[in-house]
Amino acid sequence: MVEVGLETLHRQNTPEMTEHLGGPEPEQAIVDRHRRYLRLDGGEMLLVRLGADPVDGGCDMGTLVLGDPTLKR
Protein backbone atom coordinates (compact mmCIF):
# COMPACT_ATOMS: atom_id res chain seq x y z
CA MET A 1 0.00 0.00 0.00
CA VAL A 2 1.22 3.49 -0.82
CA GLU A 3 1.77 5.38 2.43
CA VAL A 4 1.50 8.91 0.99
CA GLY A 5 -1.26 10.72 2.85
CA LEU A 6 -1.90 7.99 5.43
CA GLU A 7 -0.04 9.84 8.19
CA THR A 8 -2.09 12.96 7.45
CA LEU A 9 -5.33 10.99 7.81
CA HIS A 10 -4.09 9.74 11.20
CA ARG A 11 -3.25 13.29 12.34
CA GLN A 12 -6.72 14.48 11.30
CA ASN A 13 -8.41 11.71 13.31
CA THR A 14 -8.81 13.71 16.52
CA PRO A 15 -12.01 14.40 18.47
CA GLU A 16 -11.78 18.10 17.52
CA MET A 17 -11.29 17.43 13.80
CA THR A 18 -13.95 14.70 13.54
CA GLU A 19 -16.64 16.09 15.85
CA HIS A 20 -18.96 16.91 12.92
CA LEU A 21 -18.44 13.36 11.54
CA GLY A 22 -19.35 11.53 14.73
CA GLY A 23 -15.89 11.30 16.29
CA PRO A 24 -12.59 9.60 15.52
CA GLU A 25 -12.45 6.50 13.35
CA PRO A 26 -10.92 3.18 14.39
CA GLU A 27 -7.51 2.36 12.89
CA GLN A 28 -8.90 -0.10 10.34
CA ALA A 29 -11.45 2.45 9.11
CA ILE A 30 -8.65 4.96 8.43
CA VAL A 31 -6.65 2.35 6.51
CA ASP A 32 -9.74 1.31 4.53
CA ARG A 33 -10.59 4.93 3.68
CA HIS A 34 -7.01 5.54 2.55
CA ARG A 35 -7.24 2.51 0.25
CA ARG A 36 -10.49 3.87 -1.23
CA TYR A 37 -8.77 7.21 -1.89
CA LEU A 38 -5.95 5.41 -3.71
CA ARG A 39 -8.49 3.60 -5.92
CA LEU A 40 -10.61 6.66 -6.78
CA ASP A 41 -12.19 6.47 -10.21
CA GLY A 42 -13.77 9.70 -11.38
CA GLY A 43 -12.31 11.82 -8.61
CA GLU A 44 -9.10 12.90 -6.93
CA MET A 45 -7.64 13.01 -3.45
CA LEU A 46 -5.35 15.99 -3.05
CA LEU A 47 -2.75 16.26 -0.31
CA VAL A 48 -2.26 19.87 0.81
CA ARG A 49 1.37 20.47 1.65
CA LEU A 50 3.11 23.47 3.19
CA GLY A 51 6.60 23.68 1.71
CA ALA A 52 8.05 21.78 -1.20
CA ASP A 53 9.57 18.75 0.47
CA PRO A 54 9.23 17.14 3.93
CA VAL A 55 13.02 16.77 4.02
CA ASP A 56 13.35 20.55 3.67
CA GLY A 57 10.87 21.31 6.42
CA GLY A 58 7.63 21.02 4.44
CA CYS A 59 4.68 19.21 5.98
CA ASP A 60 1.31 17.85 4.99
CA MET A 61 -1.49 20.13 6.14
CA GLY A 62 -4.63 18.29 5.08
CA THR A 63 -6.54 16.50 2.38
CA LEU A 64 -9.25 17.37 -0.11
CA VAL A 65 -11.33 14.80 -1.97
CA LEU A 66 -12.93 15.96 -5.20
CA GLY A 67 -15.32 14.36 -7.61
CA ASP A 68 -17.16 11.28 -6.46
CA PRO A 69 -20.14 12.26 -4.28
CA THR A 70 -20.83 8.58 -3.51
CA LEU A 71 -17.47 8.14 -1.73
CA LYS A 72 -18.19 7.45 1.89
CA ARG A 73 -16.12 8.75 4.78
PDB file of N, CA and C in Angstrom:
ATOM      1  N   MET A   1       0.845  -1.186   0.000  1.00  0.00           N
ATOM      2  CA  MET A   1       0.000   0.000   0.000  1.00  0.00           C
ATOM      3  C   MET A   1       0.887   1.245   0.000  1.00  0.00           C
ATOM      4  N   VAL A   2       0.521   2.216  -0.794  1.00  0.00           N
ATOM      5  CA  VAL A   2       1.219   3.492  -0.825  1.00  0.00           C
ATOM      6  C   VAL A   2       0.923   4.239   0.468  1.00  0.00           C
ATOM      7  N   GLU A   3       1.952   4.732   1.125  1.00  0.00           N
ATOM      8  CA  GLU A   3       1.773   5.383   2.425  1.00  0.00           C
ATOM      9  C   GLU A   3       1.512   6.888   2.323  1.00  0.00           C
ATOM     10  N   VAL A   4       1.674   7.468   1.139  1.00  0.00           N
ATOM     11  CA  VAL A   4       1.503   8.910   0.988  1.00  0.00           C
ATOM     12  C   VAL A   4       0.098   9.316   1.423  1.00  0.00           C
ATOM     13  N   GLY A   5       0.014  10.208   2.366  1.00  0.00           N
ATOM     14  CA  GLY A   5      -1.257  10.716   2.852  1.00  0.00           C
ATOM     15  C   GLY A   5      -1.819   9.984   4.058  1.00  0.00           C
ATOM     16  N   LEU A   6      -1.363   8.764   4.315  1.00  0.00           N
ATOM     17  CA  LEU A   6      -1.904   7.993   5.433  1.00  0.00           C
ATOM     18  C   LEU A   6      -1.601   8.660   6.774  1.00  0.00           C
ATOM     19  N   GLU A   7      -0.400   9.157   6.941  1.00  0.00           N
ATOM     20  CA  GLU A   7      -0.040   9.841   8.190  1.00  0.00           C
ATOM     21  C   GLU A   7      -0.917  11.069   8.413  1.00  0.00           C
ATOM     22  N   THR A   8      -1.222  11.785   7.343  1.00  0.00           N
ATOM     23  CA  THR A   8      -2.086  12.961   7.455  1.00  0.00           C
ATOM     24  C   THR A   8      -3.480  12.555   7.918  1.00  0.00           C
ATOM     25  N   LEU A   9      -4.014  11.465   7.378  1.00  0.00           N
ATOM     26  CA  LEU A   9      -5.327  10.988   7.814  1.00  0.00           C
ATOM     27  C   LEU A   9      -5.304  10.635   9.305  1.00  0.00           C
ATOM     28  N   HIS A  10      -4.211  10.045   9.766  1.00  0.00           N
ATOM     29  CA  HIS A  10      -4.093   9.737  11.196  1.00  0.00           C
ATOM     30  C   HIS A  10      -4.066  11.021  12.031  1.00  0.00           C
ATOM     31  N   ARG A  11      -3.326  12.028  11.585  1.00  0.00           N
ATOM     32  CA  ARG A  11      -3.249  13.294  12.337  1.00  0.00           C
ATOM     33  C   ARG A  11      -4.591  14.001  12.387  1.00  0.00           C
ATOM     34  N   GLN A  12      -5.400  13.829  11.340  1.00  0.00           N
ATOM     35  CA  GLN A  12      -6.716  14.479  11.300  1.00  0.00           C
ATOM     36  C   GLN A  12      -7.751  13.741  12.134  1.00  0.00           C
ATOM     37  N   ASN A  13      -7.448  12.564  12.610  1.00  0.00           N
ATOM     38  CA  ASN A  13      -8.408  11.709  13.311  1.00  0.00           C
ATOM     39  C   ASN A  13      -8.445  12.026  14.810  1.00  0.00           C
ATOM     40  N   THR A  14      -8.723  13.275  15.123  1.00  0.00           N
ATOM     41  CA  THR A  14      -8.813  13.709  16.522  1.00  0.00           C
ATOM     42  C   THR A  14     -10.271  14.041  16.843  1.00  0.00           C
ATOM     43  N   PRO A  15     -10.632  14.037  18.117  1.00  0.00           N
ATOM     44  CA  PRO A  15     -12.005  14.404  18.470  1.00  0.00           C
ATOM     45  C   PRO A  15     -12.404  15.789  17.934  1.00  0.00           C
ATOM     46  N   GLU A  16     -11.484  16.737  17.986  1.00  0.00           N
ATOM     47  CA  GLU A  16     -11.782  18.097  17.518  1.00  0.00           C
ATOM     48  C   GLU A  16     -12.009  18.137  16.005  1.00  0.00           C
ATOM     49  N   MET A  17     -11.201  17.406  15.257  1.00  0.00           N
ATOM     50  CA  MET A  17     -11.290  17.434  13.795  1.00  0.00           C
ATOM     51  C   MET A  17     -12.439  16.575  13.253  1.00  0.00           C
ATOM     52  N   THR A  18     -12.921  15.622  14.040  1.00  0.00           N
ATOM     53  CA  THR A  18     -13.949  14.702  13.543  1.00  0.00           C
ATOM     54  C   THR A  18     -15.287  14.848  14.266  1.00  0.00           C
ATOM     55  N   GLU A  19     -15.416  15.890  15.076  1.00  0.00           N
ATOM     56  CA  GLU A  19     -16.639  16.087  15.853  1.00  0.00           C
ATOM     57  C   GLU A  19     -17.879  16.097  14.954  1.00  0.00           C
ATOM     58  N   HIS A  20     -17.806  16.805  13.825  1.00  0.00           N
ATOM     59  CA  HIS A  20     -18.961  16.907  12.919  1.00  0.00           C
ATOM     60  C   HIS A  20     -19.211  15.620  12.135  1.00  0.00           C
ATOM     61  N   LEU A  21     -18.303  14.643  12.240  1.00  0.00           N
ATOM     62  CA  LEU A  21     -18.439  13.364  11.539  1.00  0.00           C
ATOM     63  C   LEU A  21     -18.807  12.229  12.491  1.00  0.00           C
ATOM     64  N   GLY A  22     -18.994  12.551  13.756  1.00  0.00           N
ATOM     65  CA  GLY A  22     -19.353  11.528  14.727  1.00  0.00           C
ATOM     66  C   GLY A  22     -18.190  11.031  15.567  1.00  0.00           C
ATOM     67  N   GLY A  23     -17.041  11.682  15.462  1.00  0.00           N
ATOM     68  CA  GLY A  23     -15.891  11.301  16.286  1.00  0.00           C
ATOM     69  C   GLY A  23     -14.832  10.541  15.507  1.00  0.00           C
ATOM     70  N   PRO A  24     -13.712  10.269  16.167  1.00  0.00           N
ATOM     71  CA  PRO A  24     -12.592   9.595  15.516  1.00  0.00           C
ATOM     72  C   PRO A  24     -12.960   8.206  14.988  1.00  0.00           C
ATOM     73  N   GLU A  25     -12.261   7.815  13.951  1.00  0.00           N
ATOM     74  CA  GLU A  25     -12.451   6.504  13.347  1.00  0.00           C
ATOM     75  C   GLU A  25     -11.490   5.494  13.963  1.00  0.00           C
ATOM     76  N   PRO A  26     -11.876   4.220  13.991  1.00  0.00           N
ATOM     77  CA  PRO A  26     -10.924   3.177  14.392  1.00  0.00           C
ATOM     78  C   PRO A  26      -9.806   3.058  13.359  1.00  0.00           C
ATOM     79  N   GLU A  27      -8.686   2.507  13.765  1.00  0.00           N
ATOM     80  CA  GLU A  27      -7.514   2.365  12.890  1.00  0.00           C
ATOM     81  C   GLU A  27      -7.865   1.708  11.558  1.00  0.00           C
ATOM     82  N   GLN A  28      -8.594   0.614  11.582  1.00  0.00           N
ATOM     83  CA  GLN A  28      -8.897  -0.100  10.339  1.00  0.00           C
ATOM     84  C   GLN A  28      -9.747   0.752   9.401  1.00  0.00           C
ATOM     85  N   ALA A  29     -10.630   1.572   9.945  1.00  0.00           N
ATOM     86  CA  ALA A  29     -11.453   2.450   9.114  1.00  0.00           C
ATOM     87  C   ALA A  29     -10.590   3.487   8.397  1.00  0.00           C
ATOM     88  N   ILE A  30      -9.558   4.000   9.059  1.00  0.00           N
ATOM     89  CA  ILE A  30      -8.647   4.961   8.428  1.00  0.00           C
ATOM     90  C   ILE A  30      -7.897   4.285   7.285  1.00  0.00           C
ATOM     91  N   VAL A  31      -7.382   3.096   7.539  1.00  0.00           N
ATOM     92  CA  VAL A  31      -6.647   2.353   6.506  1.00  0.00           C
ATOM     93  C   VAL A  31      -7.565   2.045   5.323  1.00  0.00           C
ATOM     94  N   ASP A  32      -8.790   1.617   5.600  1.00  0.00           N
ATOM     95  CA  ASP A  32      -9.743   1.309   4.528  1.00  0.00           C
ATOM     96  C   ASP A  32     -10.077   2.549   3.709  1.00  0.00           C
ATOM     97  N   ARG A  33     -10.282   3.674   4.386  1.00  0.00           N
ATOM     98  CA  ARG A  33     -10.590   4.928   3.675  1.00  0.00           C
ATOM     99  C   ARG A  33      -9.416   5.343   2.807  1.00  0.00           C
ATOM    100  N   HIS A  34      -8.203   5.205   3.320  1.00  0.00           N
ATOM    101  CA  HIS A  34      -7.012   5.538   2.547  1.00  0.00           C
ATOM    102  C   HIS A  34      -6.934   4.674   1.285  1.00  0.00           C
ATOM    103  N   ARG A  35      -7.238   3.399   1.418  1.00  0.00           N
ATOM    104  CA  ARG A  35      -7.244   2.509   0.248  1.00  0.00           C
ATOM    105  C   ARG A  35      -8.283   2.950  -0.773  1.00  0.00           C
ATOM    106  N   ARG A  36      -9.467   3.377  -0.297  1.00  0.00           N
ATOM    107  CA  ARG A  36     -10.495   3.869  -1.227  1.00  0.00           C
ATOM    108  C   ARG A  36      -9.997   5.110  -1.956  1.00  0.00           C
ATOM    109  N   TYR A  37      -9.326   6.009  -1.245  1.00  0.00           N
ATOM    110  CA  TYR A  37      -8.773   7.205  -1.888  1.00  0.00           C
ATOM    111  C   TYR A  37      -7.777   6.827  -2.978  1.00  0.00           C
ATOM    112  N   LEU A  38      -6.956   5.823  -2.722  1.00  0.00           N
ATOM    113  CA  LEU A  38      -5.955   5.408  -3.707  1.00  0.00           C
ATOM    114  C   LEU A  38      -6.595   4.772  -4.937  1.00  0.00           C
ATOM    115  N   ARG A  39      -7.803   4.253  -4.800  1.00  0.00           N
ATOM    116  CA  ARG A  39      -8.491   3.602  -5.919  1.00  0.00           C
ATOM    117  C   ARG A  39      -9.531   4.507  -6.580  1.00  0.00           C
ATOM    118  N   LEU A  40      -9.578   5.774  -6.258  1.00  0.00           N
ATOM    119  CA  LEU A  40     -10.611   6.662  -6.785  1.00  0.00           C
ATOM    120  C   LEU A  40     -10.696   6.573  -8.301  1.00  0.00           C
ATOM    121  N   ASP A  41     -11.917   6.464  -8.781  1.00  0.00           N
ATOM    122  CA  ASP A  41     -12.186   6.465 -10.207  1.00  0.00           C
ATOM    123  C   ASP A  41     -13.225   7.562 -10.443  1.00  0.00           C
ATOM    124  N   GLY A  42     -12.853   8.589 -11.163  1.00  0.00           N
ATOM    125  CA  GLY A  42     -13.774   9.696 -11.383  1.00  0.00           C
ATOM    126  C   GLY A  42     -13.629  10.796 -10.347  1.00  0.00           C
ATOM    127  N   GLY A  43     -12.552  10.789  -9.612  1.00  0.00           N
ATOM    128  CA  GLY A  43     -12.310  11.818  -8.613  1.00  0.00           C
ATOM    129  C   GLY A  43     -10.835  11.872  -8.267  1.00  0.00           C
ATOM    130  N   GLU A  44     -10.495  12.753  -7.348  1.00  0.00           N
ATOM    131  CA  GLU A  44      -9.105  12.902  -6.929  1.00  0.00           C
ATOM    132  C   GLU A  44      -9.035  13.133  -5.437  1.00  0.00           C
ATOM    133  N   MET A  45      -7.960  12.658  -4.829  1.00  0.00           N
ATOM    134  CA  MET A  45      -7.641  13.008  -3.455  1.00  0.00           C
ATOM    135  C   MET A  45      -6.386  13.869  -3.522  1.00  0.00           C
ATOM    136  N   LEU A  46      -6.488  15.072  -3.029  1.00  0.00           N
ATOM    137  CA  LEU A  46      -5.351  15.986  -3.047  1.00  0.00           C
ATOM    138  C   LEU A  46      -4.768  16.082  -1.645  1.00  0.00           C
ATOM    139  N   LEU A  47      -3.461  16.095  -1.572  1.00  0.00           N
ATOM    140  CA  LEU A  47      -2.753  16.263  -0.311  1.00  0.00           C
ATOM    141  C   LEU A  47      -2.227  17.694  -0.288  1.00  0.00           C
ATOM    142  N   VAL A  48      -2.665  18.473   0.686  1.00  0.00           N
ATOM    143  CA  VAL A  48      -2.260  19.870   0.806  1.00  0.00           C
ATOM    144  C   VAL A  48      -0.975  19.911   1.618  1.00  0.00           C
ATOM    145  N   ARG A  49       0.056  20.474   1.026  1.00  0.00           N
ATOM    146  CA  ARG A  49       1.371  20.472   1.654  1.00  0.00           C
ATOM    147  C   ARG A  49       1.885  21.910   1.788  1.00  0.00           C
ATOM    148  N   LEU A  50       2.458  22.194   2.948  1.00  0.00           N
ATOM    149  CA  LEU A  50       3.114  23.472   3.192  1.00  0.00           C
ATOM    150  C   LEU A  50       4.601  23.243   2.999  1.00  0.00           C
ATOM    151  N   GLY A  51       5.198  23.912   2.037  1.00  0.00           N
ATOM    152  CA  GLY A  51       6.603  23.684   1.711  1.00  0.00           C
ATOM    153  C   GLY A  51       6.720  22.656   0.605  1.00  0.00           C
ATOM    154  N   ALA A  52       7.869  22.627  -0.033  1.00  0.00           N
ATOM    155  CA  ALA A  52       8.050  21.783  -1.201  1.00  0.00           C
ATOM    156  C   ALA A  52       8.363  20.335  -0.865  1.00  0.00           C
ATOM    157  N   ASP A  53       9.066  20.091   0.211  1.00  0.00           N
ATOM    158  CA  ASP A  53       9.568  18.746   0.474  1.00  0.00           C
ATOM    159  C   ASP A  53       9.662  18.523   1.980  1.00  0.00           C
ATOM    160  N   PRO A  54       9.136  17.392   2.493  1.00  0.00           N
ATOM    161  CA  PRO A  54       9.226  17.142   3.929  1.00  0.00           C
ATOM    162  C   PRO A  54      10.660  17.155   4.451  1.00  0.00           C
ATOM    163  N   VAL A  55      11.618  16.774   3.611  1.00  0.00           N
ATOM    164  CA  VAL A  55      13.023  16.770   4.025  1.00  0.00           C
ATOM    165  C   VAL A  55      13.498  18.198   4.288  1.00  0.00           C
ATOM    166  N   ASP A  56      12.954  19.153   3.529  1.00  0.00           N
ATOM    167  CA  ASP A  56      13.352  20.555   3.666  1.00  0.00           C
ATOM    168  C   ASP A  56      12.472  21.325   4.639  1.00  0.00           C
ATOM    169  N   GLY A  57      11.693  20.628   5.429  1.00  0.00           N
ATOM    170  CA  GLY A  57      10.867  21.305   6.421  1.00  0.00           C
ATOM    171  C   GLY A  57       9.420  21.455   6.021  1.00  0.00           C
ATOM    172  N   GLY A  58       9.035  20.969   4.843  1.00  0.00           N
ATOM    173  CA  GLY A  58       7.631  21.015   4.443  1.00  0.00           C
ATOM    174  C   GLY A  58       6.827  19.999   5.231  1.00  0.00           C
ATOM    175  N   CYS A  59       5.520  20.187   5.278  1.00  0.00           N
ATOM    176  CA  CYS A  59       4.682  19.213   5.984  1.00  0.00           C
ATOM    177  C   CYS A  59       3.306  19.160   5.347  1.00  0.00           C
ATOM    178  N   ASP A  60       2.662  18.014   5.487  1.00  0.00           N
ATOM    179  CA  ASP A  60       1.312  17.845   4.991  1.00  0.00           C
ATOM    180  C   ASP A  60       0.351  18.556   5.924  1.00  0.00           C
ATOM    181  N   MET A  61      -0.562  19.335   5.341  1.00  0.00           N
ATOM    182  CA  MET A  61      -1.495  20.126   6.144  1.00  0.00           C
ATOM    183  C   MET A  61      -2.912  19.557   6.155  1.00  0.00           C
ATOM    184  N   GLY A  62      -3.271  18.812   5.134  1.00  0.00           N
ATOM    185  CA  GLY A  62      -4.626  18.286   5.083  1.00  0.00           C
ATOM    186  C   GLY A  62      -4.893  17.589   3.770  1.00  0.00           C
ATOM    187  N   THR A  63      -6.139  17.197   3.585  1.00  0.00           N
ATOM    188  CA  THR A  63      -6.541  16.499   2.377  1.00  0.00           C
ATOM    189  C   THR A  63      -7.818  17.118   1.837  1.00  0.00           C
ATOM    190  N   LEU A  64      -8.048  16.899   0.557  1.00  0.00           N
ATOM    191  CA  LEU A  64      -9.251  17.365  -0.111  1.00  0.00           C
ATOM    192  C   LEU A  64      -9.631  16.299  -1.116  1.00  0.00           C
ATOM    193  N   VAL A  65     -10.856  15.810  -1.032  1.00  0.00           N
ATOM    194  CA  VAL A  65     -11.331  14.799  -1.970  1.00  0.00           C
ATOM    195  C   VAL A  65     -12.327  15.469  -2.895  1.00  0.00           C
ATOM    196  N   LEU A  66     -12.088  15.334  -4.191  1.00  0.00           N
ATOM    197  CA  LEU A  66     -12.926  15.963  -5.204  1.00  0.00           C
ATOM    198  C   LEU A  66     -13.556  14.908  -6.088  1.00  0.00           C
ATOM    199  N   GLY A  67     -14.755  15.182  -6.556  1.00  0.00           N
ATOM    200  CA  GLY A  67     -15.319  14.364  -7.612  1.00  0.00           C
ATOM    201  C   GLY A  67     -16.454  13.462  -7.205  1.00  0.00           C
ATOM    202  N   ASP A  68     -16.172  12.337  -6.635  1.00  0.00           N
ATOM    203  CA  ASP A  68     -17.158  11.278  -6.459  1.00  0.00           C
ATOM    204  C   ASP A  68     -18.031  11.526  -5.232  1.00  0.00           C
ATOM    205  N   PRO A  69     -19.282  11.979  -5.432  1.00  0.00           N
ATOM    206  CA  PRO A  69     -20.141  12.257  -4.284  1.00  0.00           C
ATOM    207  C   PRO A  69     -20.621  10.996  -3.570  1.00  0.00           C
ATOM    208  N   THR A  70     -20.411   9.827  -4.150  1.00  0.00           N
ATOM    209  CA  THR A  70     -20.829   8.583  -3.506  1.00  0.00           C
ATOM    210  C   THR A  70     -19.763   8.018  -2.583  1.00  0.00           C
ATOM    211  N   LEU A  71     -18.552   8.618  -2.592  1.00  0.00           N
ATOM    212  CA  LEU A  71     -17.468   8.143  -1.731  1.00  0.00           C
ATOM    213  C   LEU A  71     -17.843   8.375  -0.283  1.00  0.00           C
ATOM    214  N   LYS A  72     -17.830   7.333   0.485  1.00  0.00           N
ATOM    215  CA  LYS A  72     -18.193   7.453   1.892  1.00  0.00           C
ATOM    216  C   LYS A  72     -16.975   7.749   2.728  1.00  0.00           C
ATOM    217  N   ARG A  73     -17.180   8.385   3.854  1.00  0.00           N
ATOM    218  CA  ARG A  73     -16.118   8.755   4.785  1.00  0.00           C
ATOM    219  C   ARG A  73     -15.217   7.624   5.048  1.00  0.00           C
TER     220      ARG A  73
END
